[in-house]
């Protein structure tokens, strides 16, 4: 109810709409997005939100996913479920990418596979260019806790003809190292087992 929002400190939606272009001219796109959400202009909010997210994740360098967190939070307050399927799925894909990266940074091992696998599946359909780098991040994260899973993920990079040669070269190197570490680990386990047997006998 409009009067309730005004009493609660939220201004009339038209006031926010009038401020959108000014924020854009000043390069403050996050504030422009906030105004669109408060103005309940959900389609425009979804459009601008996606433009910002695409820009954040467009570079060849490492993603600064922290910049995407406030954008995802703002979009969560818009009626995204009412947008077209393509728009809705792309926003959802970006949300899972950010969630997966956050889980990796915070070392939430129990939820990383679900978040990352879901993000990769959603990105494959909506924003396929994100899959390559996300796979590399995911594989790197899993290398210590689950080397076999890590090797499988790096192999997916190698198997995809659209992935860059730079990432493929890195993936090949990582697979080689992981297999070496696994072999060394088995030798150490066998050596330790033989020592224990010899000592106990």
Protein backbone atom coordinates (compact mmCIF):
# COMPACT_ATOMS: atom_id res chain seq x y z
CA UNK A 1 0.00 0.00 0.00
CA UNK A 2 1.47 3.33 -1.15
CA UNK A 3 0.51 5.38 1.96
CA UNK A 4 2.01 2.73 4.24
CA UNK A 5 5.29 2.87 2.33
CA UNK A 6 5.36 6.67 2.57
CA UNK A 7 4.71 6.50 6.33
CA UNK A 8 7.52 3.98 6.62
CA UNK A 9 9.92 6.41 4.97
CA UNK A 10 9.66 5.10 1.43
CA UNK A 11 8.79 7.84 -1.07
CA UNK A 12 6.38 7.67 -3.95
CA UNK A 13 7.70 5.44 -6.80
CA UNK A 14 7.65 8.34 -9.26
CA UNK A 15 10.23 10.19 -7.13
CA UNK A 16 12.64 7.28 -7.44
CA UNK A 17 12.07 7.01 -11.19
CA UNK A 18 12.99 10.68 -11.58
CA UNK A 19 16.34 10.01 -9.91
CA UNK A 20 17.38 7.03 -12.04
CA UNK A 21 18.87 8.91 -15.01
CA UNK A 22 20.79 11.28 -12.74
CA UNK A 23 22.49 8.35 -10.99
CA UNK A 24 23.32 6.78 -14.35
CA UNK A 25 24.89 10.02 -15.61
CA UNK A 26 27.05 10.10 -12.49
CA UNK A 27 28.12 6.51 -13.06
CA UNK A 28 26.35 5.32 -9.91
CA UNK A 29 24.58 2.35 -11.44
CA UNK A 30 24.05 0.54 -8.15
CA UNK A 31 22.07 3.52 -6.82
CA UNK A 32 20.14 3.70 -10.10
CA UNK A 33 19.24 0.03 -9.68
CA UNK A 34 18.15 0.67 -6.10
CA UNK A 35 15.83 3.43 -7.31
CA UNK A 36 14.29 1.16 -9.94
CA UNK A 37 13.63 -1.52 -7.32
CA UNK A 38 12.06 1.00 -4.94
CA UNK A 39 10.00 2.39 -7.82
CA UNK A 40 8.75 -1.16 -8.41
CA UNK A 41 9.93 -0.94 -12.02
CA UNK A 42 10.90 -4.60 -11.98
CA UNK A 43 11.49 -5.12 -15.70
CA UNK A 44 13.84 -2.12 -15.87
CA UNK A 45 15.55 -3.24 -12.65
CA UNK A 46 16.15 -6.70 -14.12
CA UNK A 47 17.52 -5.19 -17.34
CA UNK A 48 19.93 -2.82 -15.55
CA UNK A 49 20.92 -5.47 -13.01
CA UNK A 50 21.92 -7.85 -15.78
CA UNK A 51 23.91 -5.13 -17.55
CA UNK A 52 25.88 -4.52 -14.34
CA UNK A 53 26.44 -8.24 -13.67
CA UNK A 54 27.57 -8.91 -17.25
CA UNK A 55 30.11 -6.12 -16.95
CA UNK A 56 31.44 -7.43 -13.61
CA UNK A 57 31.96 -10.90 -15.05
CA UNK A 58 33.07 -9.90 -18.54
CA UNK A 59 36.80 -9.39 -17.98
CA UNK A 60 39.59 -11.80 -18.70
CA UNK A 61 41.16 -11.08 -15.31
CA UNK A 62 39.93 -12.59 -12.06
CA UNK A 63 36.35 -11.69 -11.26
CA UNK A 64 35.71 -9.20 -8.49
CA UNK A 65 32.57 -11.05 -7.46
CA UNK A 66 32.29 -8.95 -4.28
CA UNK A 67 30.98 -6.16 -6.55
CA UNK A 68 28.14 -8.44 -7.62
CA UNK A 69 26.86 -9.18 -4.11
CA UNK A 70 24.95 -5.88 -3.59
CA UNK A 71 23.51 -6.16 -7.11
CA UNK A 72 22.17 -9.66 -6.41
CA UNK A 73 20.74 -8.44 -3.10
CA UNK A 74 18.94 -5.55 -4.79
CA UNK A 75 17.52 -7.81 -7.49
CA UNK A 76 16.23 -10.18 -4.80
CA UNK A 77 13.84 -7.40 -3.77
CA UNK A 78 12.38 -7.06 -7.27
CA UNK A 79 9.66 -9.26 -8.75
CA UNK A 80 12.12 -11.23 -10.87
CA UNK A 81 9.84 -14.27 -11.00
CA UNK A 82 7.44 -12.23 -13.16
CA UNK A 83 10.06 -11.57 -15.86
CA UNK A 84 10.56 -13.66 -18.99
CA UNK A 85 12.24 -17.04 -18.61
CA UNK A 86 15.52 -15.99 -20.25
CA UNK A 87 15.93 -12.97 -17.95
CA UNK A 88 14.94 -14.91 -14.86
CA UNK A 89 17.32 -17.79 -15.61
CA UNK A 90 20.26 -15.50 -16.33
CA UNK A 91 19.81 -13.63 -13.04
CA UNK A 92 19.51 -16.98 -11.23
CA UNK A 93 22.71 -18.19 -12.91
CA UNK A 94 24.64 -15.11 -11.76
CA UNK A 95 23.22 -15.52 -8.24
CA UNK A 96 24.49 -19.10 -8.04
CA UNK A 97 27.90 -18.09 -9.42
CA UNK A 98 28.24 -15.48 -6.68
CA UNK A 99 26.98 -17.95 -4.08
CA UNK A 100 29.43 -20.63 -5.22
CA UNK A 101 32.38 -18.24 -5.16
CA UNK A 102 31.40 -17.00 -1.70
CA UNK A 103 31.19 -20.58 -0.43
CA UNK A 104 34.68 -21.27 -1.81
CA UNK A 105 36.14 -18.11 -0.24
CA UNK A 106 34.64 -19.01 3.13
CA UNK A 107 35.66 -22.66 2.75
CA UNK A 108 32.12 -24.00 3.16
CA UNK A 109 33.12 -27.38 1.78
CA UNK A 110 29.74 -29.01 2.47
CA UNK A 111 27.79 -26.66 0.16
CA UNK A 112 30.37 -25.84 -2.51
CA UNK A 113 29.56 -28.87 -4.74
CA UNK A 114 25.82 -28.09 -4.78
CA UNK A 115 26.33 -24.36 -5.39
CA UNK A 116 29.05 -24.80 -8.03
CA UNK A 117 27.38 -27.70 -9.89
CA UNK A 118 24.10 -25.76 -10.01
CA UNK A 119 25.88 -22.60 -11.15
CA UNK A 120 27.64 -24.48 -13.96
CA UNK A 121 24.39 -26.10 -15.09
CA UNK A 122 22.53 -22.77 -15.11
CA UNK A 123 25.40 -20.95 -16.81
CA UNK A 124 25.64 -23.62 -19.51
CA UNK A 125 22.14 -22.61 -20.61
CA UNK A 126 22.13 -18.86 -19.84
CA UNK A 127 25.69 -17.47 -19.74
CA UNK A 128 28.00 -20.19 -21.15
CA UNK A 129 31.06 -17.91 -21.23
CA UNK A 130 31.20 -18.09 -17.42
CA UNK A 131 31.50 -21.88 -17.32
CA UNK A 132 35.20 -22.10 -18.20
CA UNK A 133 36.47 -19.84 -15.43
CA UNK A 134 33.99 -21.20 -12.89
CA UNK A 135 35.17 -24.73 -13.63
CA UNK A 136 38.78 -23.64 -13.04
CA UNK A 137 37.88 -22.01 -9.70
CA UNK A 138 35.87 -25.06 -8.64
CA UNK A 139 38.56 -27.55 -9.68
CA UNK A 140 41.23 -25.58 -7.83
CA UNK A 141 39.11 -25.47 -4.67
CA UNK A 142 38.47 -29.24 -4.74
CA UNK A 143 42.12 -30.17 -5.37
CA UNK A 144 42.96 -30.66 -1.68
CA UNK A 145 39.75 -32.20 -0.37
CA UNK A 146 38.85 -34.36 -3.39
CA UNK A 147 41.63 -34.73 -6.01
CA UNK A 148 39.54 -37.12 -8.11
CA UNK A 149 36.71 -34.60 -8.36
CA UNK A 150 39.25 -31.91 -9.19
CA UNK A 151 40.69 -33.99 -12.02
CA UNK A 152 37.18 -34.60 -13.40
CA UNK A 153 36.49 -30.85 -13.41
CA UNK A 154 39.77 -30.01 -15.12
CA UNK A 155 38.99 -32.72 -17.67
CA UNK A 156 35.70 -30.95 -18.47
CA UNK A 157 37.74 -27.88 -19.37
CA UNK A 158 39.85 -29.98 -21.74
CA UNK A 159 36.82 -31.69 -23.29
CA UNK A 160 35.02 -28.48 -24.23
CA UNK A 161 36.18 -27.22 -27.65
CA UNK A 162 35.01 -23.68 -26.88
CA UNK A 163 37.31 -23.26 -23.88
CA UNK A 164 40.51 -21.23 -24.30
CA UNK A 165 43.88 -22.81 -24.92
CA UNK A 166 45.26 -20.91 -21.93
CA UNK A 167 42.81 -22.61 -19.56
CA UNK A 168 43.34 -25.97 -21.24
CA UNK A 169 47.11 -25.71 -20.77
CA UNK A 170 46.60 -24.85 -17.12
CA UNK A 171 44.11 -27.70 -16.68
CA UNK A 172 46.55 -30.22 -18.21
CA UNK A 173 49.29 -29.05 -15.85
CA UNK A 174 47.00 -29.29 -12.82
CA UNK A 175 45.85 -32.81 -13.76
CA UNK A 176 49.46 -33.92 -14.10
CA UNK A 177 50.36 -32.48 -10.70
CA UNK A 178 47.31 -33.99 -9.01
CA UNK A 179 48.07 -37.45 -10.40
CA UNK A 180 51.66 -37.12 -9.21
CA UNK A 181 50.55 -36.08 -5.73
CA UNK A 182 48.06 -38.96 -5.61
CA UNK A 183 50.77 -41.45 -6.59
CA UNK A 184 53.16 -40.05 -3.99
CA UNK A 185 50.42 -40.19 -1.37
CA UNK A 186 49.80 -43.89 -2.10
CA UNK A 187 53.52 -44.62 -1.83
CA UNK A 188 53.66 -42.86 1.53
CA UNK A 189 50.63 -44.79 2.81
CA UNK A 190 52.16 -48.10 1.69
CA UNK A 191 55.52 -47.14 3.19
CA UNK A 192 53.91 -46.19 6.49
CA UNK A 193 51.87 -49.42 6.48
CA UNK A 194 55.02 -51.51 5.88
CA UNK A 195 56.77 -49.69 8.70
CA UNK A 196 53.90 -50.39 11.09
CA UNK A 197 53.82 -54.07 10.08
CA UNK A 198 57.58 -54.38 10.52
CA UNK A 199 57.47 -52.60 13.86
CA UNK A 200 54.55 -54.69 15.21
CA UNK A 201 56.15 -57.97 14.15
